Amino acid sequence: MTPFQALFGYSPPNRELVFQGQTNMDAIKEVLQQRVQMNQLIKSQLERARNRKKQLSDKRRNEREF
């Protein structure tokens, strides 16, 4: 069970739902492109934060032998 599900009692919304078909409306195309770009930006920012946290924890870690 995810923390979101434990807190709210239902599964989190799926952000991966992106319409892949063809559409004639420019406004819909633009919104879908913005959504894809936002998902890519969020993923890259999360990856950068994860790497930064890992570097900080590795920097303070000492090798020990018993």
C-alpha atoms as a PDB file:
ATOM      1  CA  MET A   1       0.000   0.000   0.000  1.00  0.00           C
ATOM      2  CA  THR A   2       1.353   3.424  -0.924  1.00  0.00           C
ATOM      3  CA  PRO A   3       1.427   6.299   1.569  1.00  0.00           C
ATOM      4  CA  PHE A   4      -1.154   8.145  -0.560  1.00  0.00           C
ATOM      5  CA  GLN A   5      -3.475   5.157  -0.457  1.00  0.00           C
ATOM      6  CA  ALA A   6      -3.037   4.767   3.308  1.00  0.00           C
ATOM      7  CA  LEU A   7      -3.818   8.444   3.884  1.00  0.00           C
ATOM      8  CA  PHE A   8      -6.746   8.928   1.510  1.00  0.00           C
ATOM      9  CA  GLY A   9      -8.111   5.389   1.227  1.00  0.00           C
ATOM     10  CA  TYR A  10      -7.917   5.117  -2.567  1.00  0.00           C
ATOM     11  CA  SER A  11      -5.242   4.715  -5.224  1.00  0.00           C
ATOM     12  CA  PRO A  12      -3.481   7.855  -6.468  1.00  0.00           C
ATOM     13  CA  PRO A  13      -4.552   9.280  -9.828  1.00  0.00           C
ATOM     14  CA  ASN A  14      -2.691   7.899 -12.823  1.00  0.00           C
ATOM     15  CA  ARG A  15      -0.656  10.702 -14.396  1.00  0.00           C
ATOM     16  CA  GLU A  16       0.518   8.466 -17.237  1.00  0.00           C
ATOM     17  CA  LEU A  17      -2.779   8.674 -19.127  1.00  0.00           C
ATOM     18  CA  VAL A  18      -1.883  10.595 -22.264  1.00  0.00           C
ATOM     19  CA  PHE A  19      -3.958  10.559 -25.436  1.00  0.00           C
ATOM     20  CA  GLN A  20      -1.805   9.167 -28.238  1.00  0.00           C
ATOM     21  CA  GLY A  21      -4.317   9.416 -31.096  1.00  0.00           C
ATOM     22  CA  GLN A  22      -4.793  12.036 -33.764  1.00  0.00           C
ATOM     23  CA  THR A  23      -6.898  15.129 -33.199  1.00  0.00           C
ATOM     24  CA  ASN A  24      -7.834  18.078 -35.376  1.00  0.00           C
ATOM     25  CA  MET A  25      -8.132  20.574 -32.546  1.00  0.00           C
ATOM     26  CA  ASP A  26      -4.973  22.608 -32.017  1.00  0.00           C
ATOM     27  CA  ALA A  27      -5.930  23.467 -28.442  1.00  0.00           C
ATOM     28  CA  ILE A  28      -6.076  19.772 -27.485  1.00  0.00           C
ATOM     29  CA  LYS A  29      -2.735  19.098 -29.166  1.00  0.00           C
ATOM     30  CA  GLU A  30      -1.163  21.970 -27.260  1.00  0.00           C
ATOM     31  CA  VAL A  31      -2.569  20.828 -23.901  1.00  0.00           C
ATOM     32  CA  LEU A  32      -1.361  17.263 -24.496  1.00  0.00           C
ATOM     33  CA  GLN A  33       2.110  18.486 -25.469  1.00  0.00           C
ATOM     34  CA  GLN A  34       2.283  20.668 -22.365  1.00  0.00           C
ATOM     35  CA  ARG A  35       1.231  17.720 -20.215  1.00  0.00           C
ATOM     36  CA  VAL A  36       3.920  15.483 -21.696  1.00  0.00           C
ATOM     37  CA  GLN A  37       6.538  18.215 -21.218  1.00  0.00           C
ATOM     38  CA  MET A  38       5.428  18.766 -17.613  1.00  0.00           C
ATOM     39  CA  ASN A  39       5.696  15.022 -16.889  1.00  0.00           C
ATOM     40  CA  GLN A  40       9.211  14.987 -18.348  1.00  0.00           C
ATOM     41  CA  LEU A  41      10.184  18.049 -16.290  1.00  0.00           C
ATOM     42  CA  ILE A  42       8.810  16.512 -13.076  1.00  0.00           C
ATOM     43  CA  LYS A  43      10.663  13.253 -13.712  1.00  0.00           C
ATOM     44  CA  SER A  44      13.944  15.029 -14.417  1.00  0.00           C
ATOM     45  CA  GLN A  45      13.619  17.226 -11.307  1.00  0.00           C
ATOM     46  CA  LEU A  46      12.851  14.177  -9.149  1.00  0.00           C
ATOM     47  CA  GLU A  47      15.866  12.371 -10.582  1.00  0.00           C
ATOM     48  CA  ARG A  48      18.115  15.372  -9.861  1.00  0.00           C
ATOM     49  CA  ALA A  49      16.828  15.581  -6.277  1.00  0.00           C
ATOM     50  CA  ARG A  50      17.330  11.841  -5.798  1.00  0.00           C
ATOM     51  CA  ASN A  51      20.898  12.052  -7.083  1.00  0.00           C
ATOM     52  CA  ARG A  52      21.648  15.073  -4.895  1.00  0.00           C
ATOM     53  CA  LYS A  53      20.393  13.263  -1.781  1.00  0.00           C
ATOM     54  CA  LYS A  54      22.436  10.186  -2.676  1.00  0.00           C
ATOM     55  CA  GLN A  55      25.603  12.251  -3.180  1.00  0.00           C
ATOM     56  CA  LEU A  56      25.152  13.937   0.195  1.00  0.00           C
ATOM     57  CA  SER A  57      24.586  10.660   1.990  1.00  0.00           C
ATOM     58  CA  ASP A  58      27.563   9.031   0.244  1.00  0.00           C
ATOM     59  CA  LYS A  59      29.739  12.033   1.106  1.00  0.00           C
ATOM     60  CA  ARG A  60      29.117  11.603   4.841  1.00  0.00           C
ATOM     61  CA  ARG A  61      29.460   7.819   4.813  1.00  0.00           C
ATOM     62  CA  ASN A  62      32.577   6.179   6.248  1.00  0.00           C
ATOM     63  CA  GLU A  63      33.869   2.762   5.322  1.00  0.00           C
ATOM     64  CA  ARG A  64      34.190   0.533   8.343  1.00  0.00           C
ATOM     65  CA  GLU A  65      35.665  -2.884   8.840  1.00  0.00           C
ATOM     66  CA  PHE A  66      34.861  -5.157  11.717  1.00  0.00           C
END
